[in-house]
């Protein structure tokens, strides 16, 4: 990564912070991008001595104009963009839906009757729109802006954050599953388009990773997820960061349109 410029969206916490640190350790100049400027500054403050340079960009990936302007500013300041990691995202927050799903699991184990979890029937337009705007639109906005600079140079690497939700679906989160499924197909389509130009686009699809996005998961939910994971624990952010760094770098030179799962065997 020496001499390369990387932008990591959602870099102010969780996976984004871990990815930013890993790329910085590998020698990249890392621009920590986040809607929360204070969080981005805090992460960036710890990167300066790890490798290359560091920068901060504050914008909402759901805002098309803001995303375009932010990527353009990175190129204006640093002269290029070599790596884009589309990591920014939000978690489903409808606790009542998850509670009904957990109650149904207990009912099945006891031979009782299940109730409707009402994940789709109670989903509002605003909840649906916001989830797709941040995840799917955000990935599109930043990718489009980055390609406008990568295509003339015929060089670059983009890594999108998908999820196993986009491959198998999560019954409690149809909006999140749809957004991540869209990212999977977007990754494959764009990868096929720009690969002849020397630009690689890939995606990572994690299972449950112990980050702030899971902060509202209670002990029971965490225990249930752990039981479904052969490794017996949730994933760690640095483990995902290692995979992102591989896909972003030259060692993954034959990886195009891949959607690589990292699940601990979760099923």
Protein backbone atom coordinates (compact mmCIF):
# COMPACT_ATOMS: atom_id res chain seq x y z
CA UNK A 1 0.00 0.00 0.00
CA UNK A 2 3.00 2.32 0.03
CA UNK A 3 2.21 5.47 -1.93
CA UNK A 4 -1.47 4.61 -2.37
CA UNK A 5 -4.39 6.77 -1.30
CA UNK A 6 -7.35 4.98 0.29
CA UNK A 7 -10.77 6.31 1.27
CA UNK A 8 -12.71 4.35 3.90
CA UNK A 9 -16.34 5.37 4.38
CA UNK A 10 -17.87 4.77 7.78
CA UNK A 11 -14.31 4.98 9.04
CA UNK A 12 -15.19 6.57 12.36
CA UNK A 13 -15.99 3.36 14.22
CA UNK A 14 -16.28 -0.42 14.11
CA UNK A 15 -15.23 -2.10 10.88
CA UNK A 16 -14.30 1.20 9.25
CA UNK A 17 -11.90 2.12 12.03
CA UNK A 18 -10.26 -1.32 11.90
CA UNK A 19 -9.96 -1.16 8.11
CA UNK A 20 -8.47 2.33 8.26
CA UNK A 21 -5.89 1.16 10.80
CA UNK A 22 -4.94 -1.91 8.77
CA UNK A 23 -4.49 0.07 5.53
CA UNK A 24 -2.45 2.69 7.38
CA UNK A 25 -0.22 -0.02 8.85
CA UNK A 26 0.29 -1.27 5.29
CA UNK A 27 1.58 2.15 4.29
CA UNK A 28 -1.42 3.78 2.62
CA UNK A 29 -2.46 7.37 3.00
CA UNK A 30 -5.88 6.83 4.57
CA UNK A 31 -8.76 9.29 4.38
CA UNK A 32 -11.18 8.45 7.18
CA UNK A 33 -14.63 9.38 5.90
CA UNK A 34 -17.67 9.49 8.15
CA UNK A 35 -20.86 11.45 8.71
CA UNK A 36 -19.62 11.97 12.29
CA UNK A 37 -16.69 14.33 12.00
CA UNK A 38 -15.63 13.98 15.62
CA UNK A 39 -15.46 10.19 15.33
CA UNK A 40 -13.48 10.43 12.09
CA UNK A 41 -11.02 12.86 13.66
CA UNK A 42 -10.56 10.55 16.63
CA UNK A 43 -9.72 7.56 14.42
CA UNK A 44 -7.49 9.63 12.15
CA UNK A 45 -5.62 10.95 15.16
CA UNK A 46 -4.40 7.47 15.94
CA UNK A 47 -3.21 6.66 12.42
CA UNK A 48 -0.53 9.26 11.84
CA UNK A 49 2.39 7.18 13.12
CA UNK A 50 1.35 3.89 11.55
CA UNK A 51 2.37 4.28 7.93
CA UNK A 52 1.46 6.80 5.29
CA UNK A 53 -0.43 10.07 5.60
CA UNK A 54 -3.91 10.55 6.97
CA UNK A 55 -6.91 12.71 6.20
CA UNK A 56 -10.52 13.23 7.26
CA UNK A 57 -13.62 13.71 5.12
CA UNK A 58 -17.02 14.44 6.63
CA UNK A 59 -20.09 13.69 4.52
CA UNK A 60 -23.21 11.53 4.28
CA UNK A 61 -22.81 8.82 1.63
CA UNK A 62 -26.57 8.98 1.03
CA UNK A 63 -26.11 12.52 -0.33
CA UNK A 64 -25.05 12.19 -3.97
CA UNK A 65 -23.62 15.68 -4.34
CA UNK A 66 -21.77 15.50 -1.03
CA UNK A 67 -20.21 12.14 -1.88
CA UNK A 68 -19.05 13.36 -5.28
CA UNK A 69 -17.59 16.55 -3.82
CA UNK A 70 -15.80 14.63 -1.07
CA UNK A 71 -14.10 12.20 -3.47
CA UNK A 72 -13.14 15.07 -5.77
CA UNK A 73 -11.62 16.91 -2.79
CA UNK A 74 -9.55 13.85 -1.86
CA UNK A 75 -8.12 13.71 -5.38
CA UNK A 76 -7.51 17.46 -5.41
CA UNK A 77 -5.59 17.23 -2.13
CA UNK A 78 -3.73 13.95 -2.60
CA UNK A 79 -3.50 13.77 -6.39
CA UNK A 80 -5.22 10.40 -6.75
CA UNK A 81 -7.50 7.75 -5.27
CA UNK A 82 -6.25 4.18 -5.47
CA UNK A 83 -8.54 2.37 -3.04
CA UNK A 84 -12.16 2.95 -2.05
CA UNK A 85 -13.73 0.92 0.75
CA UNK A 86 -17.51 1.36 0.78
CA UNK A 87 -18.12 0.46 4.41
CA UNK A 88 -20.60 3.08 5.67
CA UNK A 89 -23.80 1.55 6.96
CA UNK A 90 -26.53 1.51 9.55
CA UNK A 91 -28.08 -1.40 11.42
CA UNK A 92 -31.76 -2.36 11.60
CA UNK A 93 -33.08 -0.99 14.88
CA UNK A 94 -36.54 -2.52 15.23
CA UNK A 95 -36.04 -4.31 18.52
CA UNK A 96 -39.68 -5.35 18.75
CA UNK A 97 -39.34 -7.40 15.54
CA UNK A 98 -36.25 -9.14 16.82
CA UNK A 99 -37.96 -9.82 20.16
CA UNK A 100 -40.86 -11.53 18.40
CA UNK A 101 -38.42 -13.63 16.38
CA UNK A 102 -36.57 -14.70 19.54
CA UNK A 103 -39.88 -15.55 21.21
CA UNK A 104 -40.81 -17.69 18.21
CA UNK A 105 -37.57 -19.64 18.48
CA UNK A 106 -38.33 -20.37 22.12
CA UNK A 107 -41.88 -21.36 21.18
CA UNK A 108 -40.64 -23.79 18.53
CA UNK A 109 -38.28 -25.42 21.01
CA UNK A 110 -41.16 -25.86 23.43
CA UNK A 111 -43.54 -27.09 20.73
CA UNK A 112 -45.69 -23.97 21.01
CA UNK A 113 -47.35 -21.76 18.44
CA UNK A 114 -45.44 -18.98 16.70
CA UNK A 115 -46.71 -15.45 16.13
CA UNK A 116 -46.18 -13.17 13.11
CA UNK A 117 -42.91 -11.32 13.51
CA UNK A 118 -44.28 -8.55 11.25
CA UNK A 119 -40.89 -7.55 9.89
CA UNK A 120 -42.22 -6.60 6.46
CA UNK A 121 -45.82 -5.70 7.22
CA UNK A 122 -44.81 -3.03 9.76
CA UNK A 123 -41.83 -1.66 7.80
CA UNK A 124 -42.33 2.01 6.98
CA UNK A 125 -41.43 3.76 3.76
CA UNK A 126 -38.97 5.94 5.66
CA UNK A 127 -37.20 2.93 7.22
CA UNK A 128 -36.96 1.19 3.85
CA UNK A 129 -35.73 4.33 2.08
CA UNK A 130 -33.10 5.19 4.67
CA UNK A 131 -31.62 1.70 4.71
CA UNK A 132 -31.27 1.58 0.92
CA UNK A 133 -30.07 5.17 0.74
CA UNK A 134 -27.17 4.61 3.13
CA UNK A 135 -26.08 1.13 2.00
CA UNK A 136 -26.96 0.74 -1.68
CA UNK A 137 -27.18 4.35 -2.84
CA UNK A 138 -24.15 5.25 -0.72
CA UNK A 139 -22.09 2.51 -2.34
CA UNK A 140 -23.22 3.69 -5.77
CA UNK A 141 -22.55 7.37 -5.07
CA UNK A 142 -18.99 6.81 -3.86
CA UNK A 143 -18.16 4.20 -6.50
CA UNK A 144 -19.36 6.43 -9.32
CA UNK A 145 -17.32 9.36 -8.00
CA UNK A 146 -14.19 7.24 -7.55
CA UNK A 147 -14.43 5.65 -11.01
CA UNK A 148 -14.43 9.08 -12.62
CA UNK A 149 -10.84 9.35 -11.38
CA UNK A 150 -9.80 5.69 -11.61
CA UNK A 151 -10.93 5.12 -15.19
CA UNK A 152 -8.61 7.70 -16.82
CA UNK A 153 -5.68 6.25 -14.85
CA UNK A 154 -6.78 2.65 -15.60
CA UNK A 155 -5.99 1.66 -12.06
CA UNK A 156 -7.77 1.23 -8.75
CA UNK A 157 -9.43 -1.13 -6.32
CA UNK A 158 -12.89 -0.91 -4.75
CA UNK A 159 -14.05 -3.11 -1.88
CA UNK A 160 -17.73 -3.03 -0.95
CA UNK A 161 -19.15 -4.16 2.38
CA UNK A 162 -21.90 -6.67 1.71
CA UNK A 163 -23.20 -9.19 4.26
CA UNK A 164 -24.46 -12.73 4.54
CA UNK A 165 -27.84 -10.97 4.80
CA UNK A 166 -27.44 -10.16 1.11
CA UNK A 167 -26.81 -13.81 0.27
CA UNK A 168 -29.28 -15.68 2.46
CA UNK A 169 -31.66 -13.01 3.77
CA UNK A 170 -32.48 -12.23 7.40
CA UNK A 171 -36.18 -12.71 8.28
CA UNK A 172 -36.13 -9.84 10.80
CA UNK A 173 -34.54 -7.33 8.40
CA UNK A 174 -35.90 -7.42 4.84
CA UNK A 175 -34.73 -3.85 4.24
CA UNK A 176 -31.15 -4.61 5.30
CA UNK A 177 -31.14 -7.86 3.32
CA UNK A 178 -32.39 -6.07 0.20
CA UNK A 179 -29.75 -3.34 0.53
CA UNK A 180 -26.91 -5.82 0.97
CA UNK A 181 -28.24 -8.06 -1.83
CA UNK A 182 -28.20 -5.03 -4.09
CA UNK A 183 -24.58 -4.37 -3.18
CA UNK A 184 -23.68 -7.95 -4.13
CA UNK A 185 -25.09 -7.60 -7.65
CA UNK A 186 -23.81 -4.04 -8.03
CA UNK A 187 -20.33 -5.32 -7.19
CA UNK A 188 -20.48 -8.04 -9.82
CA UNK A 189 -21.87 -5.75 -12.53
CA UNK A 190 -19.37 -2.94 -12.00
CA UNK A 191 -16.50 -5.41 -11.66
CA UNK A 192 -17.25 -6.88 -15.09
CA UNK A 193 -17.48 -3.39 -16.55
CA UNK A 194 -14.19 -1.95 -15.32
CA UNK A 195 -11.93 -5.01 -15.07
CA UNK A 196 -10.62 -4.49 -18.64
CA UNK A 197 -9.38 -1.08 -17.45
CA UNK A 198 -7.31 -2.61 -14.67
CA UNK A 199 -9.78 -1.65 -11.93
CA UNK A 200 -10.85 -4.37 -9.54
CA UNK A 201 -14.15 -4.36 -7.64
CA UNK A 202 -14.90 -6.96 -4.96
CA UNK A 203 -17.04 -7.35 -1.86
CA UNK A 204 -16.76 -8.82 1.62
CA UNK A 205 -19.80 -10.51 3.16
CA UNK A 206 -19.38 -10.90 6.93
CA UNK A 207 -21.66 -12.70 9.33
CA UNK A 208 -22.05 -11.22 12.81
CA UNK A 209 -19.05 -9.10 13.81
CA UNK A 210 -18.70 -7.64 17.30
CA UNK A 211 -18.91 -3.93 16.50
CA UNK A 212 -21.06 -1.00 17.72
CA UNK A 213 -23.69 -1.97 15.11
CA UNK A 214 -24.57 -4.89 17.40
CA UNK A 215 -24.66 -2.76 20.55
CA UNK A 216 -28.39 -3.30 21.10
CA UNK A 217 -28.12 -7.11 20.92
CA UNK A 218 -28.85 -8.49 24.38
CA UNK A 219 -27.08 -11.45 25.95
CA UNK A 220 -29.71 -13.92 24.75
CA UNK A 221 -29.41 -12.86 21.11
CA UNK A 222 -25.62 -12.95 21.30
CA UNK A 223 -25.74 -16.42 22.83
CA UNK A 224 -28.03 -17.66 20.06
CA UNK A 225 -25.72 -16.27 17.38
CA UNK A 226 -22.70 -17.82 19.08
CA UNK A 227 -24.43 -21.21 19.18
CA UNK A 228 -24.90 -21.05 15.41
CA UNK A 229 -21.21 -20.25 14.87
CA UNK A 230 -18.86 -23.26 14.93
CA UNK A 231 -15.98 -21.09 16.17
CA UNK A 232 -18.09 -20.29 19.21
CA UNK A 233 -17.77 -16.50 19.07
CA UNK A 234 -18.65 -13.41 17.08
CA UNK A 235 -16.14 -12.13 14.56
CA UNK A 236 -13.64 -9.40 15.33
CA UNK A 237 -13.36 -6.20 13.32
CA UNK A 238 -9.66 -6.73 12.63
CA UNK A 239 -10.40 -10.10 11.04
CA UNK A 240 -12.65 -8.41 8.48
CA UNK A 241 -10.06 -5.66 8.02
CA UNK A 242 -7.44 -8.27 7.11
CA UNK A 243 -9.67 -9.61 4.33
CA UNK A 244 -10.49 -6.12 3.04
CA UNK A 245 -6.78 -5.26 2.95
CA UNK A 246 -6.07 -8.38 0.90
CA UNK A 247 -8.78 -7.61 -1.66
CA UNK A 248 -7.70 -3.98 -1.86
CA UNK A 249 -4.08 -4.83 -2.50
CA UNK A 250 -2.04 -6.19 -5.38
CA UNK A 251 -1.92 -9.71 -3.94
CA UNK A 252 -5.58 -10.06 -5.00
CA UNK A 253 -4.73 -9.21 -8.60
CA UNK A 254 -6.94 -12.03 -9.99
CA UNK A 255 -9.91 -11.28 -7.72
CA UNK A 256 -12.64 -9.59 -9.77
CA UNK A 257 -16.31 -9.46 -8.82
CA UNK A 258 -15.74 -11.79 -5.88
CA UNK A 259 -18.05 -11.79 -2.87
CA UNK A 260 -15.96 -13.30 -0.10
CA UNK A 261 -17.75 -14.48 3.04
CA UNK A 262 -16.20 -14.32 6.48
CA UNK A 263 -18.54 -16.05 8.90
CA UNK A 264 -16.78 -18.30 11.41
CA UNK A 265 -18.89 -21.04 9.85
CA UNK A 266 -22.17 -19.33 10.80
CA UNK A 267 -25.18 -21.20 9.49
